[in-house]
Amino acid sequence: MSESSEHDPPFVPLAPRPRLRGPESVAVAEQFADLMATRRTVRDFSTEPVPLEVVRQAVRAAATAPSGAHVQPWRFVMVTRSKIKRLIRERAESEERNFYDQRAPSEWLEALTPLGTTWEKAFLDEAPVLLVVFTVHAGEHEPKPYYANESVGIAVGLLIACLHAAGLATLTHTPSPMRFLTEILGRPNNERPFVMLPIGYPAADALVPNLARKPLEEVLVELG
């Protein structure tokens, strides 16, 4: 074994946790998969307040995601102030209107038609919480990230799963371009918007498209 230097990262024993076996392990995985199968993207939110500690803990879960070289290139900005949410909605709808009217390819608009989406984004200020996720790039106090978008994407997946498990609804929204979020939220230039997630309880009359997900045998290829 080679001698370690003072620059080597320290290693510690892996923290013990229950080791599931056989049917017990399958049952846990199946239970989680069944829970996530009930997750739906929601565009109609109740204005009922949500426990902000749930959102904080969901961000904590998101921040456990693996990242390239463990740089952890993410920043989560939680917005509850109505004035800021309204401003974000106005700017986002301006960008979306321009996209739908002038820049969106016809095949993209056709794909969106069954989902009923338009440039109007009422959920951005109706949901009690708006969480904006940024990818953090190299800056004065930030190291160069590796596989930044992939790392942040994994974190957002964990975030969505945690929020759903806690009984909250959300959706992912990415107006194009999104640089206005850096300005509105007062973030440094090396933080680039990745996605916005309105968070809350579904409205009592919320509707979702009647869609089916691809079955397991269609998405999984097993090479034994």
Protein backbone atom coordinates (compact mmCIF):
# COMPACT_ATOMS: atom_id res chain seq x y z
CA MET A 1 0.00 0.00 0.00
CA SER A 2 1.39 3.39 -0.96
CA GLU A 3 1.98 6.02 1.65
CA SER A 4 -0.80 8.56 1.96
CA SER A 5 -0.06 12.25 1.67
CA GLU A 6 -1.56 15.13 3.55
CA HIS A 7 -3.59 15.90 0.42
CA ASP A 8 -5.28 12.50 0.28
CA PRO A 9 -8.98 12.56 1.17
CA PRO A 10 -9.67 10.93 4.54
CA PHE A 11 -11.64 7.70 4.54
CA VAL A 12 -13.84 6.41 7.32
CA PRO A 13 -15.74 3.15 7.77
CA LEU A 14 -19.11 2.98 6.06
CA ALA A 15 -21.85 3.73 8.58
CA PRO A 16 -23.79 0.56 9.38
CA ARG A 17 -27.41 0.29 8.34
CA PRO A 18 -29.89 -2.60 8.28
CA ARG A 19 -29.02 -5.08 5.55
CA LEU A 20 -32.20 -6.35 3.97
CA ARG A 21 -32.29 -9.74 2.29
CA GLY A 22 -34.51 -11.51 -0.21
CA PRO A 23 -38.27 -10.91 0.09
CA GLU A 24 -37.84 -8.15 2.67
CA SER A 25 -35.62 -6.19 0.29
CA VAL A 26 -38.03 -6.70 -2.60
CA ALA A 27 -40.97 -5.58 -0.46
CA VAL A 28 -39.26 -2.30 0.45
CA ALA A 29 -38.38 -1.59 -3.18
CA GLU A 30 -41.89 -2.48 -4.34
CA GLN A 31 -43.49 -0.28 -1.69
CA PHE A 32 -41.40 2.69 -2.76
CA ALA A 33 -42.10 2.05 -6.46
CA ASP A 34 -45.85 1.86 -5.72
CA LEU A 35 -45.66 5.16 -3.84
CA MET A 36 -43.87 6.89 -6.70
CA ALA A 37 -46.35 5.45 -9.17
CA THR A 38 -48.97 7.69 -7.55
CA ARG A 39 -46.90 10.81 -8.24
CA ARG A 40 -48.38 13.18 -10.80
CA THR A 41 -47.33 16.56 -12.09
CA VAL A 42 -49.84 19.10 -10.74
CA ARG A 43 -50.63 22.51 -12.23
CA ASP A 44 -53.58 23.43 -10.00
CA PHE A 45 -52.51 24.27 -6.45
CA SER A 46 -54.33 25.11 -3.26
CA THR A 47 -53.24 28.32 -1.55
CA GLU A 48 -53.21 26.45 1.76
CA PRO A 49 -49.84 26.99 3.49
CA VAL A 50 -47.46 24.06 3.67
CA PRO A 51 -45.01 23.23 6.49
CA LEU A 52 -41.79 24.89 5.37
CA GLU A 53 -39.81 22.38 7.39
CA VAL A 54 -41.00 19.71 4.94
CA VAL A 55 -39.42 21.66 2.09
CA ARG A 56 -36.23 22.15 4.09
CA GLN A 57 -35.97 18.43 4.78
CA ALA A 58 -36.66 17.65 1.12
CA VAL A 59 -33.77 19.93 0.17
CA ARG A 60 -31.65 18.15 2.78
CA ALA A 61 -32.51 14.87 1.06
CA ALA A 62 -31.72 16.36 -2.34
CA ALA A 63 -28.32 17.48 -1.10
CA THR A 64 -27.37 13.85 -0.39
CA ALA A 65 -27.19 13.21 -4.13
CA PRO A 66 -23.91 12.02 -5.63
CA SER A 67 -22.00 14.65 -7.57
CA GLY A 68 -18.94 14.76 -9.77
CA ALA A 69 -15.82 14.94 -7.57
CA HIS A 70 -18.20 15.64 -4.65
CA VAL A 71 -18.32 19.33 -5.57
CA GLN A 72 -22.09 19.45 -4.79
CA PRO A 73 -22.85 22.09 -7.44
CA TRP A 74 -26.36 23.02 -6.36
CA ARG A 75 -28.17 25.88 -4.71
CA PHE A 76 -31.85 25.86 -3.66
CA VAL A 77 -33.70 29.15 -3.21
CA MET A 78 -37.05 28.90 -1.41
CA VAL A 79 -39.46 31.73 -2.23
CA THR A 80 -42.63 32.35 -0.23
CA ARG A 81 -42.96 36.11 -0.60
CA SER A 82 -45.96 36.89 -2.83
CA LYS A 83 -44.35 39.93 -4.44
CA ILE A 84 -41.33 37.94 -5.62
CA LYS A 85 -43.45 35.03 -6.85
CA ARG A 86 -45.63 37.44 -8.81
CA LEU A 87 -42.59 39.04 -10.42
CA ILE A 88 -41.19 35.63 -11.35
CA ARG A 89 -44.52 34.65 -12.89
CA GLU A 90 -44.65 37.85 -14.95
CA ARG A 91 -41.14 37.37 -16.30
CA ALA A 92 -41.64 33.65 -16.92
CA GLU A 93 -44.92 34.21 -18.78
CA SER A 94 -43.27 36.87 -20.93
CA GLU A 95 -40.56 34.40 -21.96
CA GLU A 96 -43.07 31.59 -22.43
CA ARG A 97 -45.40 33.72 -24.56
CA ASN A 98 -42.51 34.59 -26.83
CA PHE A 99 -41.49 30.93 -27.02
CA TYR A 100 -44.98 29.65 -27.84
CA ASP A 101 -45.68 32.40 -30.38
CA GLN A 102 -42.32 32.65 -32.14
CA ARG A 103 -39.69 30.07 -31.24
CA ALA A 104 -41.36 26.75 -30.44
CA PRO A 105 -41.11 24.11 -33.21
CA SER A 106 -44.49 22.96 -34.50
CA GLU A 107 -43.84 19.36 -33.42
CA TRP A 108 -43.17 20.55 -29.86
CA LEU A 109 -46.46 22.45 -29.76
CA GLU A 110 -48.27 19.39 -31.12
CA ALA A 111 -46.72 17.21 -28.40
CA LEU A 112 -47.90 19.66 -25.72
CA THR A 113 -51.48 19.94 -27.00
CA PRO A 114 -52.82 16.81 -25.21
CA LEU A 115 -51.36 18.11 -21.94
CA GLY A 116 -53.19 21.43 -22.19
CA THR A 117 -50.12 23.54 -21.42
CA THR A 118 -49.90 27.16 -22.56
CA TRP A 119 -47.74 30.19 -21.85
CA GLU A 120 -49.91 30.97 -18.81
CA LYS A 121 -48.22 29.81 -15.59
CA ALA A 122 -50.60 30.67 -12.75
CA PHE A 123 -49.03 28.01 -10.56
CA LEU A 124 -45.90 30.12 -10.16
CA ASP A 125 -47.59 32.45 -7.71
CA GLU A 126 -50.59 30.35 -6.62
CA ALA A 127 -48.50 27.61 -4.99
CA PRO A 128 -47.43 28.67 -1.48
CA VAL A 129 -43.78 27.81 -2.13
CA LEU A 130 -41.63 28.28 -5.19
CA LEU A 131 -38.28 26.50 -5.10
CA VAL A 132 -35.69 27.59 -7.65
CA VAL A 133 -32.75 25.25 -8.22
CA PHE A 134 -29.45 26.61 -9.52
CA THR A 135 -26.40 24.86 -10.90
CA VAL A 136 -23.31 26.36 -9.26
CA HIS A 137 -20.37 26.89 -11.60
CA ALA A 138 -16.82 27.95 -10.79
CA GLY A 139 -16.63 31.31 -9.03
CA GLU A 140 -14.59 33.29 -6.56
CA HIS A 141 -15.45 30.93 -3.72
CA GLU A 142 -16.70 27.92 -5.70
CA PRO A 143 -14.59 25.16 -7.30
CA LYS A 144 -15.05 23.98 -10.86
CA PRO A 145 -17.90 21.46 -10.98
CA TYR A 146 -17.77 18.18 -12.88
CA TYR A 147 -20.88 16.71 -14.49
CA ALA A 148 -22.77 19.64 -13.00
CA ASN A 149 -26.09 19.23 -14.79
CA GLU A 150 -26.14 15.49 -14.23
CA SER A 151 -25.42 15.99 -10.52
CA VAL A 152 -28.14 18.61 -10.08
CA GLY A 153 -30.59 16.48 -12.06
CA ILE A 154 -30.09 13.58 -9.65
CA ALA A 155 -30.59 15.95 -6.70
CA VAL A 156 -33.86 17.23 -8.16
CA GLY A 157 -35.07 13.64 -8.55
CA LEU A 158 -34.47 12.98 -4.86
CA LEU A 159 -36.17 16.29 -4.02
CA ILE A 160 -39.32 15.40 -5.97
CA ALA A 161 -39.46 11.92 -4.43
CA CYS A 162 -39.16 13.31 -0.90
CA LEU A 163 -41.83 15.97 -1.47
CA HIS A 164 -44.22 13.36 -2.86
CA ALA A 165 -43.57 10.99 0.05
CA ALA A 166 -44.42 13.88 2.41
CA GLY A 167 -47.76 14.45 0.69
CA LEU A 168 -46.91 17.56 -1.34
CA ALA A 169 -47.37 18.11 -5.06
CA THR A 170 -45.06 19.83 -7.49
CA LEU A 171 -44.05 20.18 -11.10
CA THR A 172 -40.85 21.02 -12.95
CA HIS A 173 -40.88 24.25 -14.93
CA THR A 174 -38.07 25.53 -17.15
CA PRO A 175 -38.94 28.74 -18.99
CA SER A 176 -36.50 29.53 -21.76
CA PRO A 177 -34.36 31.48 -21.13
CA MET A 178 -34.25 31.48 -17.31
CA ARG A 179 -31.45 33.94 -16.63
CA PHE A 180 -33.95 36.46 -15.22
CA LEU A 181 -34.15 34.27 -12.10
CA THR A 182 -30.53 35.04 -11.24
CA GLU A 183 -31.38 38.74 -11.33
CA ILE A 184 -34.67 38.60 -9.44
CA LEU A 185 -33.31 36.37 -6.68
CA GLY A 186 -30.04 38.25 -6.33
CA ARG A 187 -27.83 35.28 -7.08
CA PRO A 188 -24.23 35.57 -8.32
CA ASN A 189 -23.52 35.13 -12.02
CA ASN A 190 -21.89 31.74 -11.55
CA GLU A 191 -25.24 30.32 -10.38
CA ARG A 192 -27.33 29.33 -13.38
CA PRO A 193 -31.04 28.47 -13.13
CA PHE A 194 -31.74 24.79 -13.65
CA VAL A 195 -35.44 24.36 -12.82
CA MET A 196 -38.31 25.91 -10.85
CA LEU A 197 -40.65 23.83 -8.71
CA PRO A 198 -43.90 25.23 -7.34
CA ILE A 199 -44.75 23.24 -4.21
CA GLY A 200 -48.01 22.84 -2.36
CA TYR A 201 -51.15 20.79 -1.92
CA PRO A 202 -53.23 20.06 -5.02
CA ALA A 203 -56.35 22.21 -5.42
CA ALA A 204 -59.56 20.43 -4.52
CA ASP A 205 -60.63 20.51 -8.17
CA ALA A 206 -57.20 19.74 -9.63
CA LEU A 207 -57.22 17.75 -12.87
CA VAL A 208 -54.33 15.86 -14.47
CA PRO A 209 -54.07 14.31 -17.95
CA ASN A 210 -55.19 10.69 -18.21
CA LEU A 211 -51.77 9.29 -19.05
CA ALA A 212 -50.18 5.86 -18.72
CA ARG A 213 -46.55 5.22 -17.90
CA LYS A 214 -44.48 2.75 -19.88
CA PRO A 215 -44.47 -0.72 -18.26
CA LEU A 216 -41.33 -2.10 -16.65
CA GLU A 217 -40.66 -4.57 -19.45
CA GLU A 218 -40.55 -1.69 -21.93
CA VAL A 219 -38.04 0.44 -20.04
CA LEU A 220 -35.77 -2.22 -18.52
CA VAL A 221 -33.32 -4.33 -20.50
CA GLU A 222 -31.82 -7.20 -18.50
CA LEU A 223 -28.58 -8.76 -19.73
CA GLY A 224 -28.02 -11.71 -17.43
